[in-house]
């Protein structure tokens, strides 16, 4: 046992979850992922359910669209807000990564193939194939990469996570932190 109350060699999950070595300018990635895309997309799934929520999910072929539309909208709003704040950034990035992978598989793979794929339906577009898929997927890939960055690097120096990690380190230095 060390003086911090943590077993030697034990993983400090708080430090892993909150810690970040990313520069303060990572806030730009957080704003892009959270404020520009996920928070407003989540809101719009409720504001326009027929075209962006359950109705769209039904057209794509996503199972249980009346359940999944509001569920995904809620996840996008909650995780988008957490990422904007830089609070539990790594944890909030995980559902958004899953969301983007599902979006790519369910909507972009059919465009690439030019026909329905598995349970997912092909959207009517003027063209199909690789270049059409790349054009349609550019925002999806940007959001996937942004969320992966946040998962790897954390919220950055100007995040609530960094503030909490600094407080935790100060408490450890003072010998006051117990797991």
Foldseek 3Di string as FASTA:
>chain_A
DDLQQDDVPDDDVLCVQLPFPAAPVLLVLLCVQQVVPQQVLLVVCVVPVCCRALVVCVQFQNPPRVVVRNVSSVLSNVLSVCSNQLHSLLVSLVVVLVVLVCCCVSALVCQQVVAHDDRTGYDDDPHGHDVVSCVVCVVSVSNNVSSVCCNVGGNHCNHVSVVVSVVVVVCVVVSNHHD
